[in-house]
Amino acid sequence: MRGRRIGLAYFHERGFRDDIIRTFQLGYVPEMGAAFSGAARARGFDADCWNGRLDQTPRGWERLDFFAGRVTFPCMA
């Protein structure tokens, strides 16, 4: 849950209260390949709300999360 701690620390430093973070589902995408994309798909989120990228890694070309290492504000469509 390191990503959760990083995200919460970021929002708290900027004055966001926990109720606001929960209400607007603010978050943080860990720097772990496609962890975010996989978790979002598993929870039924629309793939149009995020983007991926292809990067060459030591294992070859892999799809990685575009927002890795960043805080997120979910699609409110």
PDB file of N, CA and C in Angstrom:
ATOM      1  N   MET A   1       0.809  -1.215   0.000  1.00  0.00           N
ATOM      2  CA  MET A   1       0.000   0.000   0.000  1.00  0.00           C
ATOM      3  C   MET A   1       0.846   1.270   0.000  1.00  0.00           C
ATOM      4  N   ARG A   2       2.095   1.141  -0.460  1.00  0.00           N
ATOM      5  CA  ARG A   2       2.982   2.297  -0.513  1.00  0.00           C
ATOM      6  C   ARG A   2       2.373   3.406  -1.360  1.00  0.00           C
ATOM      7  N   GLY A   3       1.749   3.040  -2.492  1.00  0.00           N
ATOM      8  CA  GLY A   3       1.139   4.033  -3.359  1.00  0.00           C
ATOM      9  C   GLY A   3       0.051   4.819  -2.662  1.00  0.00           C
ATOM     10  N   ARG A   4      -0.739   4.132  -1.849  1.00  0.00           N
ATOM     11  CA  ARG A   4      -1.800   4.804  -1.108  1.00  0.00           C
ATOM     12  C   ARG A   4      -1.217   5.851  -0.164  1.00  0.00           C
ATOM     13  N   ARG A   5      -0.151   5.484   0.542  1.00  0.00           N
ATOM     14  CA  ARG A   5       0.488   6.432   1.468  1.00  0.00           C
ATOM     15  C   ARG A   5       1.042   7.648   0.721  1.00  0.00           C
ATOM     16  N   ILE A   6       1.649   7.409  -0.420  1.00  0.00           N
ATOM     17  CA  ILE A   6       2.206   8.509  -1.217  1.00  0.00           C
ATOM     18  C   ILE A   6       1.094   9.461  -1.657  1.00  0.00           C
ATOM     19  N   GLY A   7       0.022   8.893  -2.195  1.00  0.00           N
ATOM     20  CA  GLY A   7      -1.095   9.709  -2.662  1.00  0.00           C
ATOM     21  C   GLY A   7      -1.740  10.503  -1.546  1.00  0.00           C
ATOM     22  N   LEU A   8      -2.011   9.841  -0.413  1.00  0.00           N
ATOM     23  CA  LEU A   8      -2.637  10.542   0.712  1.00  0.00           C
ATOM     24  C   LEU A   8      -1.740  11.655   1.228  1.00  0.00           C
ATOM     25  N   ALA A   9      -0.449  11.398   1.325  1.00  0.00           N
ATOM     26  CA  ALA A   9       0.480  12.434   1.788  1.00  0.00           C
ATOM     27  C   ALA A   9       0.440  13.640   0.848  1.00  0.00           C
ATOM     28  N   TYR A  10       0.430  13.381  -0.458  1.00  0.00           N
ATOM     29  CA  TYR A  10       0.383  14.469  -1.441  1.00  0.00           C
ATOM     30  C   TYR A  10      -0.869  15.327  -1.238  1.00  0.00           C
ATOM     31  N   PHE A  11      -2.032  14.676  -1.155  1.00  0.00           N
ATOM     32  CA  PHE A  11      -3.279  15.426  -1.014  1.00  0.00           C
ATOM     33  C   PHE A  11      -3.356  16.145   0.330  1.00  0.00           C
ATOM     34  N   HIS A  12      -2.929  15.505   1.410  1.00  0.00           N
ATOM     35  CA  HIS A  12      -2.963  16.148   2.721  1.00  0.00           C
ATOM     36  C   HIS A  12      -2.046  17.364   2.769  1.00  0.00           C
ATOM     37  N   GLU A  13      -0.874  17.284   2.143  1.00  0.00           N
ATOM     38  CA  GLU A  13       0.043  18.430   2.104  1.00  0.00           C
ATOM     39  C   GLU A  13      -0.585  19.629   1.410  1.00  0.00           C
ATOM     40  N   ARG A  14      -1.510  19.368   0.522  1.00  0.00           N
ATOM     41  CA  ARG A  14      -2.162  20.443  -0.230  1.00  0.00           C
ATOM     42  C   ARG A  14      -3.512  20.834   0.357  1.00  0.00           C
ATOM     43  N   GLY A  15      -3.834  20.298   1.539  1.00  0.00           N
ATOM     44  CA  GLY A  15      -5.025  20.727   2.258  1.00  0.00           C
ATOM     45  C   GLY A  15      -6.304  19.970   1.932  1.00  0.00           C
ATOM     46  N   PHE A  16      -6.223  18.878   1.181  1.00  0.00           N
ATOM     47  CA  PHE A  16      -7.418  18.081   0.903  1.00  0.00           C
ATOM     48  C   PHE A  16      -7.788  17.282   2.150  1.00  0.00           C
ATOM     49  N   ARG A  17      -9.053  17.322   2.541  1.00  0.00           N
ATOM     50  CA  ARG A  17      -9.544  16.526   3.666  1.00  0.00           C
ATOM     51  C   ARG A  17      -9.877  15.112   3.191  1.00  0.00           C
ATOM     52  N   ASP A  18      -9.889  14.167   4.124  1.00  0.00           N
ATOM     53  CA  ASP A  18     -10.194  12.773   3.782  1.00  0.00           C
ATOM     54  C   ASP A  18     -11.570  12.611   3.148  1.00  0.00           C
ATOM     55  N   ASP A  19     -12.570  13.376   3.619  1.00  0.00           N
ATOM     56  CA  ASP A  19     -13.905  13.237   3.028  1.00  0.00           C
ATOM     57  C   ASP A  19     -13.918  13.699   1.571  1.00  0.00           C
ATOM     58  N   ILE A  20     -13.137  14.700   1.232  1.00  0.00           N
ATOM     59  CA  ILE A  20     -13.035  15.177  -0.150  1.00  0.00           C
ATOM     60  C   ILE A  20     -12.308  14.140  -1.009  1.00  0.00           C
ATOM     61  N   ILE A  21     -11.235  13.571  -0.467  1.00  0.00           N
ATOM     62  CA  ILE A  21     -10.485  12.542  -1.193  1.00  0.00           C
ATOM     63  C   ILE A  21     -11.394  11.366  -1.521  1.00  0.00           C
ATOM     64  N   ARG A  22     -12.203  10.929  -0.536  1.00  0.00           N
ATOM     65  CA  ARG A  22     -13.133   9.804  -0.767  1.00  0.00           C
ATOM     66  C   ARG A  22     -14.248  10.183  -1.735  1.00  0.00           C
ATOM     67  N   THR A  23     -14.865  11.332  -1.529  1.00  0.00           N
ATOM     68  CA  THR A  23     -15.996  11.757  -2.365  1.00  0.00           C
ATOM     69  C   THR A  23     -15.610  11.817  -3.837  1.00  0.00           C
ATOM     70  N   PHE A  24     -14.457  12.370  -4.127  1.00  0.00           N
ATOM     71  CA  PHE A  24     -14.039  12.534  -5.513  1.00  0.00           C
ATOM     72  C   PHE A  24     -13.106  11.428  -5.993  1.00  0.00           C
ATOM     73  N   GLN A  25     -12.899  10.406  -5.157  1.00  0.00           N
ATOM     74  CA  GLN A  25     -12.113   9.221  -5.502  1.00  0.00           C
ATOM     75  C   GLN A  25     -10.718   9.585  -6.022  1.00  0.00           C
ATOM     76  N   LEU A  26     -10.087  10.530  -5.324  1.00  0.00           N
ATOM     77  CA  LEU A  26      -8.743  10.942  -5.710  1.00  0.00           C
ATOM     78  C   LEU A  26      -7.781   9.818  -5.375  1.00  0.00           C
ATOM     79  N   GLY A  27      -6.741   9.659  -6.166  1.00  0.00           N
ATOM     80  CA  GLY A  27      -5.836   8.550  -5.925  1.00  0.00           C
ATOM     81  C   GLY A  27      -4.442   8.791  -6.447  1.00  0.00           C
ATOM     82  N   TYR A  28      -3.671   7.727  -6.421  1.00  0.00           N
ATOM     83  CA  TYR A  28      -2.282   7.739  -6.865  1.00  0.00           C
ATOM     84  C   TYR A  28      -2.023   6.441  -7.614  1.00  0.00           C
ATOM     85  N   VAL A  29      -1.359   6.532  -8.757  1.00  0.00           N
ATOM     86  CA  VAL A  29      -1.025   5.348  -9.550  1.00  0.00           C
ATOM     87  C   VAL A  29       0.411   4.950  -9.243  1.00  0.00           C
ATOM     88  N   PRO A  30       0.599   3.775  -8.649  1.00  0.00           N
ATOM     89  CA  PRO A  30       1.966   3.352  -8.340  1.00  0.00           C
ATOM     90  C   PRO A  30       2.774   3.086  -9.596  1.00  0.00           C
ATOM     91  N   GLU A  31       4.081   3.133  -9.461  1.00  0.00           N
ATOM     92  CA  GLU A  31       4.973   2.876 -10.591  1.00  0.00           C
ATOM     93  C   GLU A  31       5.232   1.378 -10.705  1.00  0.00           C
ATOM     94  N   MET A  32       4.205   0.647 -11.109  1.00  0.00           N
ATOM     95  CA  MET A  32       4.284  -0.814 -11.169  1.00  0.00           C
ATOM     96  C   MET A  32       3.699  -1.331 -12.479  1.00  0.00           C
ATOM     97  N   GLY A  33       4.295  -0.987 -13.588  1.00  0.00           N
ATOM     98  CA  GLY A  33       3.837  -1.519 -14.873  1.00  0.00           C
ATOM     99  C   GLY A  33       2.409  -1.147 -15.195  1.00  0.00           C
ATOM    100  N   ALA A  34       1.540  -2.149 -15.274  1.00  0.00           N
ATOM    101  CA  ALA A  34       0.138  -1.919 -15.624  1.00  0.00           C
ATOM    102  C   ALA A  34      -0.773  -2.252 -14.449  1.00  0.00           C
ATOM    103  N   ALA A  35      -0.316  -2.044 -13.221  1.00  0.00           N
ATOM    104  CA  ALA A  35      -1.115  -2.353 -12.035  1.00  0.00           C
ATOM    105  C   ALA A  35      -2.415  -1.546 -12.012  1.00  0.00           C
ATOM    106  N   PHE A  36      -2.328  -0.273 -12.341  1.00  0.00           N
ATOM    107  CA  PHE A  36      -3.511   0.589 -12.327  1.00  0.00           C
ATOM    108  C   PHE A  36      -4.530   0.144 -13.368  1.00  0.00           C
ATOM    109  N   SER A  37      -4.083  -0.070 -14.583  1.00  0.00           N
ATOM    110  CA  SER A  37      -4.987  -0.493 -15.658  1.00  0.00           C
ATOM    111  C   SER A  37      -5.692  -1.794 -15.304  1.00  0.00           C
ATOM    112  N   GLY A  38      -4.942  -2.746 -14.783  1.00  0.00           N
ATOM    113  CA  GLY A  38      -5.530  -4.022 -14.408  1.00  0.00           C
ATOM    114  C   GLY A  38      -6.556  -3.883 -13.294  1.00  0.00           C
ATOM    115  N   ALA A  39      -6.246  -3.092 -12.283  1.00  0.00           N
ATOM    116  CA  ALA A  39      -7.175  -2.886 -11.166  1.00  0.00           C
ATOM    117  C   ALA A  39      -8.423  -2.138 -11.630  1.00  0.00           C
ATOM    118  N   ALA A  40      -8.255  -1.149 -12.498  1.00  0.00           N
ATOM    119  CA  ALA A  40      -9.406  -0.388 -12.999  1.00  0.00           C
ATOM    120  C   ALA A  40     -10.333  -1.271 -13.821  1.00  0.00           C
ATOM    121  N   ARG A  41      -9.765  -2.069 -14.701  1.00  0.00           N
ATOM    122  CA  ARG A  41     -10.584  -2.988 -15.509  1.00  0.00           C
ATOM    123  C   ARG A  41     -11.323  -3.975 -14.623  1.00  0.00           C
ATOM    124  N   ALA A  42     -10.653  -4.501 -13.607  1.00  0.00           N
ATOM    125  CA  ALA A  42     -11.270  -5.476 -12.699  1.00  0.00           C
ATOM    126  C   ALA A  42     -12.444  -4.880 -11.929  1.00  0.00           C
ATOM    127  N   ARG A  43     -12.426  -3.566 -11.744  1.00  0.00           N
ATOM    128  CA  ARG A  43     -13.510  -2.895 -11.012  1.00  0.00           C
ATOM    129  C   ARG A  43     -14.567  -2.312 -11.955  1.00  0.00           C
ATOM    130  N   GLY A  44     -14.443  -2.598 -13.242  1.00  0.00           N
ATOM    131  CA  GLY A  44     -15.465  -2.181 -14.194  1.00  0.00           C
ATOM    132  C   GLY A  44     -15.349  -0.767 -14.718  1.00  0.00           C
ATOM    133  N   PHE A  45     -14.206  -0.111 -14.514  1.00  0.00           N
ATOM    134  CA  PHE A  45     -14.041   1.241 -15.037  1.00  0.00           C
ATOM    135  C   PHE A  45     -13.878   1.209 -16.549  1.00  0.00           C
ATOM    136  N   ASP A  46     -14.375   2.223 -17.189  1.00  0.00           N
ATOM    137  CA  ASP A  46     -14.320   2.358 -18.638  1.00  0.00           C
ATOM    138  C   ASP A  46     -12.887   2.629 -19.089  1.00  0.00           C
ATOM    139  N   ALA A  47     -12.414   1.872 -20.034  1.00  0.00           N
ATOM    140  CA  ALA A  47     -11.040   2.017 -20.528  1.00  0.00           C
ATOM    141  C   ALA A  47     -10.790   3.389 -21.150  1.00  0.00           C
ATOM    142  N   ASP A  48     -11.834   4.114 -21.541  1.00  0.00           N
ATOM    143  CA  ASP A  48     -11.648   5.447 -22.114  1.00  0.00           C
ATOM    144  C   ASP A  48     -11.204   6.470 -21.070  1.00  0.00           C
ATOM    145  N   CYS A  49     -11.276   6.114 -19.791  1.00  0.00           N
ATOM    146  CA  CYS A  49     -10.921   7.053 -18.723  1.00  0.00           C
ATOM    147  C   CYS A  49      -9.439   7.038 -18.374  1.00  0.00           C
ATOM    148  N   TRP A  50      -8.680   6.176 -18.993  1.00  0.00           N
ATOM    149  CA  TRP A  50      -7.237   6.180 -18.766  1.00  0.00           C
ATOM    150  C   TRP A  50      -6.526   5.830 -20.053  1.00  0.00           C
ATOM    151  N   ASN A  51      -5.259   6.027 -20.047  1.00  0.00           N
ATOM    152  CA  ASN A  51      -4.440   5.769 -21.222  1.00  0.00           C
ATOM    153  C   ASN A  51      -3.264   4.894 -20.845  1.00  0.00           C
ATOM    154  N   GLY A  52      -2.781   4.126 -21.757  1.00  0.00           N
ATOM    155  CA  GLY A  52      -1.574   3.345 -21.525  1.00  0.00           C
ATOM    156  C   GLY A  52      -0.527   3.761 -22.543  1.00  0.00           C
ATOM    157  N   ARG A  53       0.644   3.221 -22.400  1.00  0.00           N
ATOM    158  CA  ARG A  53       1.691   3.492 -23.372  1.00  0.00           C
ATOM    159  C   ARG A  53       2.482   2.206 -23.553  1.00  0.00           C
ATOM    160  N   LEU A  54       3.133   2.092 -24.653  1.00  0.00           N
ATOM    161  CA  LEU A  54       4.014   0.953 -24.880  1.00  0.00           C
ATOM    162  C   LEU A  54       5.445   1.421 -24.658  1.00  0.00           C
ATOM    163  N   ASP A  55       6.162   0.681 -23.854  1.00  0.00           N
ATOM    164  CA  ASP A  55       7.562   1.005 -23.588  1.00  0.00           C
ATOM    165  C   ASP A  55       8.390  -0.255 -23.764  1.00  0.00           C
ATOM    166  N   GLN A  56       9.602  -0.058 -24.207  1.00  0.00           N
ATOM    167  CA  GLN A  56      10.501  -1.204 -24.309  1.00  0.00           C
ATOM    168  C   GLN A  56      11.196  -1.381 -22.960  1.00  0.00           C
ATOM    169  N   THR A  57      11.099  -2.578 -22.427  1.00  0.00           N
ATOM    170  CA  THR A  57      11.698  -2.913 -21.145  1.00  0.00           C
ATOM    171  C   THR A  57      12.687  -4.051 -21.388  1.00  0.00           C
ATOM    172  N   PRO A  58      13.425  -4.454 -20.369  1.00  0.00           N
ATOM    173  CA  PRO A  58      14.324  -5.600 -20.556  1.00  0.00           C
ATOM    174  C   PRO A  58      13.587  -6.876 -20.998  1.00  0.00           C
ATOM    175  N   ARG A  59      12.290  -6.954 -20.716  1.00  0.00           N
ATOM    176  CA  ARG A  59      11.498  -8.126 -21.120  1.00  0.00           C
ATOM    177  C   ARG A  59      10.873  -7.954 -22.502  1.00  0.00           C
ATOM    178  N   GLY A  60      11.141  -6.848 -23.170  1.00  0.00           N
ATOM    179  CA  GLY A  60      10.528  -6.576 -24.472  1.00  0.00           C
ATOM    180  C   GLY A  60       9.528  -5.439 -24.356  1.00  0.00           C
ATOM    181  N   TRP A  61       8.649  -5.312 -25.351  1.00  0.00           N
ATOM    182  CA  TRP A  61       7.659  -4.242 -25.337  1.00  0.00           C
ATOM    183  C   TRP A  61       6.540  -4.600 -24.370  1.00  0.00           C
ATOM    184  N   GLU A  62       6.203  -3.647 -23.489  1.00  0.00           N
ATOM    185  CA  GLU A  62       5.146  -3.874 -22.503  1.00  0.00           C
ATOM    186  C   GLU A  62       4.218  -2.667 -22.463  1.00  0.00           C
ATOM    187  N   ARG A  63       2.947  -2.944 -22.176  1.00  0.00           N
ATOM    188  CA  ARG A  63       1.997  -1.853 -21.967  1.00  0.00           C
ATOM    189  C   ARG A  63       2.116  -1.409 -20.513  1.00  0.00           C
ATOM    190  N   LEU A  64       2.413  -0.135 -20.314  1.00  0.00           N
ATOM    191  CA  LEU A  64       2.586   0.431 -18.980  1.00  0.00           C
ATOM    192  C   LEU A  64       1.562   1.533 -18.757  1.00  0.00           C
ATOM    193  N   ASP A  65       1.256   1.791 -17.509  1.00  0.00           N
ATOM    194  CA  ASP A  65       0.296   2.843 -17.186  1.00  0.00           C
ATOM    195  C   ASP A  65       0.876   4.216 -17.498  1.00  0.00           C
ATOM    196  N   PHE A  66       0.129   5.016 -18.242  1.00  0.00           N
ATOM    197  CA  PHE A  66       0.553   6.367 -18.582  1.00  0.00           C
ATOM    198  C   PHE A  66       0.690   7.231 -17.327  1.00  0.00           C
ATOM    199  N   PHE A  67      -0.188   7.019 -16.347  1.00  0.00           N
ATOM    200  CA  PHE A  67      -0.219   7.866 -15.163  1.00  0.00           C
ATOM    201  C   PHE A  67       0.631   7.327 -14.010  1.00  0.00           C
ATOM    202  N   ALA A  68       1.492   6.345 -14.277  1.00  0.00           N
ATOM    203  CA  ALA A  68       2.330   5.777 -13.211  1.00  0.00           C
ATOM    204  C   ALA A  68       3.131   6.862 -12.511  1.00  0.00           C
ATOM    205  N   GLY A  69       3.099   6.838 -11.173  1.00  0.00           N
ATOM    206  CA  GLY A  69       3.848   7.810 -10.391  1.00  0.00           C
ATOM    207  C   GLY A  69       3.156   9.161 -10.267  1.00  0.00           C
ATOM    208  N   ARG A  70       1.842   9.206 -10.561  1.00  0.00           N
ATOM    209  CA  ARG A  70       1.115  10.484 -10.529  1.00  0.00           C
ATOM    210  C   ARG A  70      -0.177  10.333  -9.731  1.00  0.00           C
ATOM    211  N   VAL A  71      -0.649  11.457  -9.186  1.00  0.00           N
ATOM    212  CA  VAL A  71      -1.961  11.449  -8.537  1.00  0.00           C
ATOM    213  C   VAL A  71      -3.020  11.464  -9.644  1.00  0.00           C
ATOM    214  N   THR A  72      -4.215  10.977  -9.302  1.00  0.00           N
ATOM    215  CA  THR A  72      -5.274  10.899 -10.304  1.00  0.00           C
ATOM    216  C   THR A  72      -6.562  11.538  -9.818  1.00  0.00           C
ATOM    217  N   PHE A  73      -7.281  12.071 -10.763  1.00  0.00           N
ATOM    218  CA  PHE A  73      -8.620  12.611 -10.550  1.00  0.00           C
ATOM    219  C   PHE A  73      -9.492  11.849 -11.557  1.00  0.00           C
ATOM    220  N   PRO A  74     -10.385  10.989 -11.085  1.00  0.00           N
ATOM    221  CA  PRO A  74     -11.102  10.093 -12.012  1.00  0.00           C
ATOM    222  C   PRO A  74     -12.018  10.821 -12.964  1.00  0.00           C
ATOM    223  N   CYS A  75     -12.304  10.137 -14.041  1.00  0.00           N
ATOM    224  CA  CYS A  75     -13.220  10.605 -15.080  1.00  0.00           C
ATOM    225  C   CYS A  75     -14.616  10.721 -14.486  1.00  0.00           C
ATOM    226  N   MET A  76     -15.232  11.859 -14.571  1.00  0.00           N
ATOM    227  CA  MET A  76     -16.557  12.059 -13.976  1.00  0.00           C
ATOM    228  C   MET A  76     -17.614  12.238 -15.076  1.00  0.00           C
ATOM    229  N   ALA A  77     -17.505  11.477 -16.140  1.00  0.00           N
ATOM    230  CA  ALA A  77     -18.425  11.616 -17.273  1.00  0.00           C
ATOM    231  C   ALA A  77     -19.812  11.148 -16.949  1.00  0.00           C
TER     232      ALA A  77
END
